[in-house]
Structure formats: structure tokens, C-alpha cells
Amino acid sequence: MTKKRRNNGRALAGRGHTKAIRCSNCGRCTPKDKAIKRFMVRNIVETAAIRDIKEATVYTDYQLPKIYLKTQYCVSCAIHSRVVRVRSREERRNRLPPPKPSFKKKPAPAQQA
């Protein structure tokens, strides 16, 4: 029988069995090595209230704390919420992480006097 993926969609590597985790989105039981894991870092305060807090605080350079969440998705939820994408057969062999988007601003054009 043909194999779709080199690792059969898991990171088992001779372990035999792994514990099941619950999907963060739908609650489905998924083996821990098969689940798609992402680490979300967010501010505790939403962006609309950050300015109000900065104006009301006594401290000048107070850094607001962040929330660190580890989300674990089953394969169907990860595809549905576009955490991972479906790739062609040739693209599946590429094991490099996808390139990170760069948010560099274009320099403003120089004004002539």
C-alpha cells in the first residue's frame, strides 16, 4: 500500500503509543504526536484599552504582561481554521518551516523643497 506521508502524519518515532490530548477548538481526542501545536503570545489587555492604561498609570515605562497559551488542534480543526494548509505531493516533502511575514514599512519618499 502506498504511503501518503513519510511519518504517517505522526511524530511517533518508535515510541509505540502516546497519550491523547483534547483539541483546543472542538474537544476531539487526538494523539499528542499527531496534534498540531501552536504557541500564542497575546497581551492581557486588548489594544483599545492599552492607551487608557498607559495614561492612567503612575509608572512611565511599565511593560504590560502577556498571556502565553499553548493551543493544540486536531488535524481537521487546524485545516479548517487555516493553521496549516493542504499541500501538493511535491510540497509535502519540504520540511522547512514556512517563511515568516515581514512587516517592514516602506521608507517615505523624500520631499523636494
N, C-alpha and C. Protein backbone atom coordinates (compact mmCIF):
# COMPACT_ATOMS: atom_id res chain seq x y z
N MET A 1 0.83 -1.18 0.00
CA MET A 1 0.00 0.00 0.00
C MET A 1 0.88 1.25 0.00
N THR A 2 0.48 2.25 -0.73
CA THR A 2 1.27 3.46 -0.82
C THR A 2 1.13 4.29 0.46
N LYS A 3 2.18 5.06 0.73
CA LYS A 3 2.18 5.93 1.91
C LYS A 3 2.02 7.36 1.47
N LYS A 4 1.14 8.10 2.14
CA LYS A 4 0.93 9.49 1.80
C LYS A 4 2.03 10.37 2.40
N ARG A 5 2.44 10.05 3.62
CA ARG A 5 3.47 10.83 4.30
C ARG A 5 4.59 9.94 4.81
N ARG A 6 5.78 10.51 4.88
CA ARG A 6 6.95 9.78 5.33
C ARG A 6 6.80 9.31 6.77
N ASN A 7 6.14 10.11 7.60
CA ASN A 7 5.99 9.77 9.02
C ASN A 7 4.56 9.33 9.37
N ASN A 8 3.74 9.08 8.36
CA ASN A 8 2.34 8.69 8.56
C ASN A 8 1.54 9.73 9.32
N GLY A 9 1.94 10.98 9.26
CA GLY A 9 1.22 12.05 9.91
C GLY A 9 1.44 12.13 11.40
N ARG A 10 2.47 11.45 11.90
CA ARG A 10 2.73 11.43 13.34
C ARG A 10 4.22 11.61 13.60
N ALA A 11 4.54 11.95 14.82
CA ALA A 11 5.94 12.07 15.23
C ALA A 11 6.24 10.99 16.26
N LEU A 12 5.81 9.78 15.98
CA LEU A 12 5.88 8.68 16.95
C LEU A 12 7.32 8.21 17.15
N ALA A 13 8.05 7.96 16.07
CA ALA A 13 9.47 7.60 16.10
C ALA A 13 9.78 6.44 17.04
N GLY A 14 9.11 5.30 16.86
CA GLY A 14 9.43 4.09 17.61
C GLY A 14 8.91 4.05 19.04
N ARG A 15 8.02 4.95 19.40
CA ARG A 15 7.53 5.02 20.77
C ARG A 15 6.42 4.01 21.04
N GLY A 16 5.67 3.65 20.03
CA GLY A 16 4.61 2.68 20.20
C GLY A 16 3.26 3.29 20.53
N HIS A 17 3.19 4.13 21.54
CA HIS A 17 1.92 4.72 21.95
C HIS A 17 2.18 6.08 22.61
N THR A 18 1.29 7.03 22.37
CA THR A 18 1.38 8.32 23.06
C THR A 18 0.02 8.64 23.65
N LYS A 19 0.01 9.49 24.67
CA LYS A 19 -1.24 9.85 25.32
C LYS A 19 -2.08 10.73 24.41
N ALA A 20 -3.37 10.69 24.62
CA ALA A 20 -4.29 11.51 23.84
C ALA A 20 -4.44 12.87 24.51
N ILE A 21 -4.59 13.89 23.68
CA ILE A 21 -4.88 15.24 24.16
C ILE A 21 -6.23 15.65 23.60
N ARG A 22 -6.81 16.71 24.13
CA ARG A 22 -8.08 17.21 23.63
C ARG A 22 -7.82 18.43 22.76
N CYS A 23 -8.48 18.50 21.63
CA CYS A 23 -8.35 19.63 20.71
C CYS A 23 -8.85 20.89 21.40
N SER A 24 -8.11 21.99 21.23
CA SER A 24 -8.48 23.26 21.86
C SER A 24 -9.75 23.84 21.25
N ASN A 25 -10.08 23.43 20.04
CA ASN A 25 -11.23 24.00 19.35
C ASN A 25 -12.50 23.16 19.54
N CYS A 26 -12.41 21.86 19.23
CA CYS A 26 -13.62 21.04 19.24
C CYS A 26 -13.66 19.99 20.34
N GLY A 27 -12.53 19.72 20.99
CA GLY A 27 -12.51 18.74 22.08
C GLY A 27 -12.26 17.32 21.64
N ARG A 28 -11.95 17.09 20.38
CA ARG A 28 -11.69 15.74 19.89
C ARG A 28 -10.41 15.18 20.50
N CYS A 29 -10.42 13.88 20.84
CA CYS A 29 -9.22 13.20 21.32
C CYS A 29 -8.28 12.96 20.13
N THR A 30 -7.04 13.38 20.26
CA THR A 30 -6.03 13.21 19.21
C THR A 30 -4.74 12.78 19.88
N PRO A 31 -3.98 11.87 19.29
CA PRO A 31 -2.67 11.54 19.87
C PRO A 31 -1.79 12.77 19.94
N LYS A 32 -1.02 12.89 21.02
CA LYS A 32 -0.22 14.09 21.24
C LYS A 32 0.78 14.33 20.13
N ASP A 33 1.32 13.28 19.55
CA ASP A 33 2.32 13.46 18.49
C ASP A 33 1.68 13.81 17.15
N LYS A 34 0.38 13.57 17.00
CA LYS A 34 -0.29 13.90 15.74
C LYS A 34 -0.90 15.30 15.78
N ALA A 35 -1.17 15.82 16.95
CA ALA A 35 -1.81 17.13 17.10
C ALA A 35 -0.91 18.24 16.57
N ILE A 36 -1.53 19.27 16.05
CA ILE A 36 -0.80 20.45 15.56
C ILE A 36 -0.74 21.44 16.72
N LYS A 37 0.47 21.75 17.18
CA LYS A 37 0.65 22.56 18.37
C LYS A 37 1.18 23.94 17.98
N ARG A 38 0.57 24.98 18.54
CA ARG A 38 1.00 26.35 18.31
C ARG A 38 1.04 27.07 19.66
N PHE A 39 1.95 28.02 19.77
CA PHE A 39 2.13 28.79 20.99
C PHE A 39 1.68 30.21 20.71
N MET A 40 0.62 30.68 21.38
CA MET A 40 0.10 32.02 21.16
C MET A 40 0.55 32.94 22.28
N VAL A 41 1.11 34.09 21.91
CA VAL A 41 1.52 35.10 22.87
C VAL A 41 0.67 36.33 22.61
N ARG A 42 -0.14 36.74 23.60
CA ARG A 42 -1.02 37.89 23.44
C ARG A 42 -0.88 38.81 24.65
N ASN A 43 -1.26 40.07 24.47
CA ASN A 43 -1.32 40.98 25.60
C ASN A 43 -2.53 40.63 26.45
N ILE A 44 -2.40 40.87 27.77
CA ILE A 44 -3.54 40.63 28.66
C ILE A 44 -4.65 41.62 28.35
N VAL A 45 -4.28 42.83 28.00
CA VAL A 45 -5.25 43.88 27.72
C VAL A 45 -5.41 44.03 26.21
N GLU A 46 -6.65 44.23 25.75
CA GLU A 46 -6.85 44.42 24.32
C GLU A 46 -6.26 45.77 23.90
N THR A 47 -6.02 45.92 22.63
CA THR A 47 -5.30 47.09 22.12
C THR A 47 -6.07 48.39 22.35
N ALA A 48 -7.38 48.33 22.41
CA ALA A 48 -8.17 49.55 22.61
C ALA A 48 -7.95 50.15 24.00
N ALA A 49 -7.69 49.31 25.01
CA ALA A 49 -7.56 49.79 26.38
C ALA A 49 -6.12 50.07 26.79
N ILE A 50 -5.16 49.72 25.95
CA ILE A 50 -3.75 49.92 26.32
C ILE A 50 -3.44 51.39 26.52
N ARG A 51 -3.95 52.25 25.65
CA ARG A 51 -3.66 53.68 25.75
C ARG A 51 -4.26 54.27 27.03
N ASP A 52 -5.47 53.84 27.38
CA ASP A 52 -6.10 54.33 28.61
C ASP A 52 -5.28 53.94 29.84
N ILE A 53 -4.78 52.71 29.85
CA ILE A 53 -3.99 52.25 30.98
C ILE A 53 -2.67 53.01 31.05
N LYS A 54 -2.05 53.26 29.91
CA LYS A 54 -0.78 53.99 29.89
C LYS A 54 -0.96 55.41 30.42
N GLU A 55 -2.08 56.04 30.09
CA GLU A 55 -2.34 57.40 30.57
C GLU A 55 -2.65 57.42 32.06
N ALA A 56 -3.29 56.39 32.58
CA ALA A 56 -3.70 56.36 33.98
C ALA A 56 -2.61 55.89 34.93
N THR A 57 -1.58 55.23 34.42
CA THR A 57 -0.56 54.65 35.30
C THR A 57 0.42 55.71 35.80
N VAL A 58 1.00 55.43 36.97
CA VAL A 58 1.99 56.33 37.56
C VAL A 58 3.38 56.04 36.97
N TYR A 59 3.63 54.77 36.66
CA TYR A 59 4.94 54.36 36.17
C TYR A 59 5.09 54.74 34.71
N THR A 60 6.26 55.24 34.36
CA THR A 60 6.47 55.71 32.99
C THR A 60 6.76 54.58 32.02
N ASP A 61 7.58 53.63 32.41
CA ASP A 61 7.97 52.56 31.48
C ASP A 61 7.54 51.19 32.00
N TYR A 62 6.24 51.07 32.33
CA TYR A 62 5.70 49.80 32.80
C TYR A 62 5.34 48.94 31.59
N GLN A 63 5.86 47.72 31.57
CA GLN A 63 5.57 46.79 30.48
C GLN A 63 4.38 45.92 30.87
N LEU A 64 3.32 45.94 30.09
CA LEU A 64 2.14 45.13 30.39
C LEU A 64 2.47 43.65 30.21
N PRO A 65 2.00 42.79 31.11
CA PRO A 65 2.29 41.36 30.99
C PRO A 65 1.54 40.73 29.82
N LYS A 66 2.01 39.58 29.39
CA LYS A 66 1.43 38.88 28.26
C LYS A 66 0.84 37.54 28.72
N ILE A 67 -0.07 37.03 27.92
CA ILE A 67 -0.65 35.70 28.15
C ILE A 67 0.03 34.73 27.20
N TYR A 68 0.50 33.62 27.72
CA TYR A 68 1.14 32.59 26.91
C TYR A 68 0.23 31.38 26.88
N LEU A 69 -0.34 31.07 25.71
CA LEU A 69 -1.27 29.96 25.56
C LEU A 69 -0.71 28.94 24.59
N LYS A 70 -0.75 27.67 24.99
CA LYS A 70 -0.38 26.60 24.07
C LYS A 70 -1.66 26.00 23.55
N THR A 71 -1.90 26.12 22.26
CA THR A 71 -3.10 25.56 21.65
C THR A 71 -2.73 24.30 20.90
N GLN A 72 -3.56 23.28 21.03
CA GLN A 72 -3.34 22.01 20.37
C GLN A 72 -4.59 21.68 19.56
N TYR A 73 -4.42 21.50 18.26
CA TYR A 73 -5.56 21.27 17.37
C TYR A 73 -5.52 19.87 16.80
N CYS A 74 -6.71 19.31 16.54
CA CYS A 74 -6.78 18.09 15.74
C CYS A 74 -6.54 18.51 14.28
N VAL A 75 -6.30 17.57 13.40
CA VAL A 75 -5.93 17.88 12.02
C VAL A 75 -7.07 18.61 11.32
N SER A 76 -8.31 18.18 11.52
CA SER A 76 -9.42 18.80 10.79
C SER A 76 -9.65 20.24 11.24
N CYS A 77 -9.51 20.53 12.53
CA CYS A 77 -9.68 21.91 13.01
C CYS A 77 -8.53 22.79 12.54
N ALA A 78 -7.32 22.25 12.50
CA ALA A 78 -6.17 23.04 12.05
C ALA A 78 -6.31 23.41 10.59
N ILE A 79 -6.83 22.50 9.77
CA ILE A 79 -7.04 22.81 8.35
C ILE A 79 -8.19 23.79 8.20
N HIS A 80 -9.27 23.58 8.96
CA HIS A 80 -10.44 24.45 8.83
C HIS A 80 -10.15 25.88 9.26
N SER A 81 -9.35 26.05 10.32
CA SER A 81 -9.04 27.40 10.80
C SER A 81 -7.75 27.94 10.18
N ARG A 82 -7.25 27.28 9.17
CA ARG A 82 -6.08 27.70 8.38
C ARG A 82 -4.81 27.85 9.21
N VAL A 83 -4.66 27.01 10.24
CA VAL A 83 -3.39 26.97 10.97
C VAL A 83 -2.36 26.28 10.09
N VAL A 84 -2.77 25.22 9.41
CA VAL A 84 -1.94 24.54 8.41
C VAL A 84 -2.72 24.49 7.11
N ARG A 85 -2.03 24.34 6.01
CA ARG A 85 -2.68 24.31 4.69
C ARG A 85 -2.47 22.95 4.04
N VAL A 86 -3.34 22.61 3.12
CA VAL A 86 -3.18 21.41 2.31
C VAL A 86 -2.10 21.69 1.29
N ARG A 87 -1.15 20.75 1.14
CA ARG A 87 -0.05 20.96 0.21
C ARG A 87 -0.01 19.83 -0.82
N SER A 88 0.56 20.12 -1.97
CA SER A 88 0.66 19.13 -3.04
C SER A 88 1.70 18.07 -2.65
N ARG A 89 1.79 17.02 -3.44
CA ARG A 89 2.69 15.91 -3.15
C ARG A 89 4.15 16.37 -3.10
N GLU A 90 4.53 17.24 -4.03
CA GLU A 90 5.91 17.72 -4.05
C GLU A 90 6.18 18.67 -2.88
N GLU A 91 5.19 19.49 -2.54
CA GLU A 91 5.36 20.43 -1.43
C GLU A 91 5.41 19.72 -0.08
N ARG A 92 4.79 18.52 0.03
CA ARG A 92 4.79 17.80 1.30
C ARG A 92 6.18 17.34 1.69
N ARG A 93 7.07 17.20 0.71
CA ARG A 93 8.44 16.78 1.01
C ARG A 93 9.25 17.90 1.64
N ASN A 94 8.82 19.12 1.46
CA ASN A 94 9.50 20.27 2.04
C ASN A 94 9.22 20.31 3.54
N ARG A 95 10.25 20.10 4.35
CA ARG A 95 10.08 20.05 5.80
C ARG A 95 10.52 21.33 6.49
N LEU A 96 10.88 22.35 5.71
CA LEU A 96 11.27 23.63 6.29
C LEU A 96 10.05 24.38 6.79
N PRO A 97 10.21 25.17 7.86
CA PRO A 97 9.06 25.98 8.30
C PRO A 97 8.75 27.05 7.28
N PRO A 98 7.49 27.47 7.18
CA PRO A 98 7.13 28.49 6.19
C PRO A 98 7.81 29.81 6.52
N PRO A 99 8.10 30.62 5.51
CA PRO A 99 8.76 31.90 5.78
C PRO A 99 7.85 32.82 6.58
N LYS A 100 8.44 33.53 7.53
CA LYS A 100 7.66 34.44 8.37
C LYS A 100 7.41 35.73 7.60
N PRO A 101 6.21 36.30 7.73
CA PRO A 101 5.94 37.55 7.02
C PRO A 101 6.73 38.70 7.63
N SER A 102 7.24 39.56 6.76
CA SER A 102 7.98 40.72 7.26
C SER A 102 7.07 41.94 7.20
N PHE A 103 7.08 42.70 8.27
CA PHE A 103 6.21 43.87 8.38
C PHE A 103 7.03 45.16 8.30
N LYS A 104 7.96 45.19 7.38
CA LYS A 104 8.80 46.38 7.23
C LYS A 104 8.02 47.44 6.47
N LYS A 105 8.09 48.66 7.00
CA LYS A 105 7.41 49.77 6.34
C LYS A 105 8.31 50.32 5.25
N LYS A 106 7.69 50.74 4.17
CA LYS A 106 8.45 51.36 3.10
C LYS A 106 8.87 52.76 3.53
N PRO A 107 10.11 53.15 3.22
CA PRO A 107 10.53 54.49 3.60
C PRO A 107 9.73 55.53 2.84
N ALA A 108 9.45 56.64 3.52
CA ALA A 108 8.68 57.72 2.90
C ALA A 108 9.53 58.39 1.82
N PRO A 109 8.91 58.76 0.70
CA PRO A 109 9.70 59.43 -0.35
C PRO A 109 10.18 60.79 0.13
N ALA A 110 11.39 61.13 -0.31
CA ALA A 110 11.99 62.40 0.11
C ALA A 110 11.26 63.53 -0.56
N GLN A 111 10.93 64.56 0.20
CA GLN A 111 10.23 65.71 -0.36
C GLN A 111 11.24 66.72 -0.89
N GLN A 112 10.93 67.29 -2.03
CA GLN A 112 11.81 68.29 -2.60
C GLN A 112 11.31 69.67 -2.22
N ALA A 113 12.28 70.55 -1.86
CA ALA A 113 11.91 71.90 -1.43
C ALA A 113 11.99 72.89 -2.58
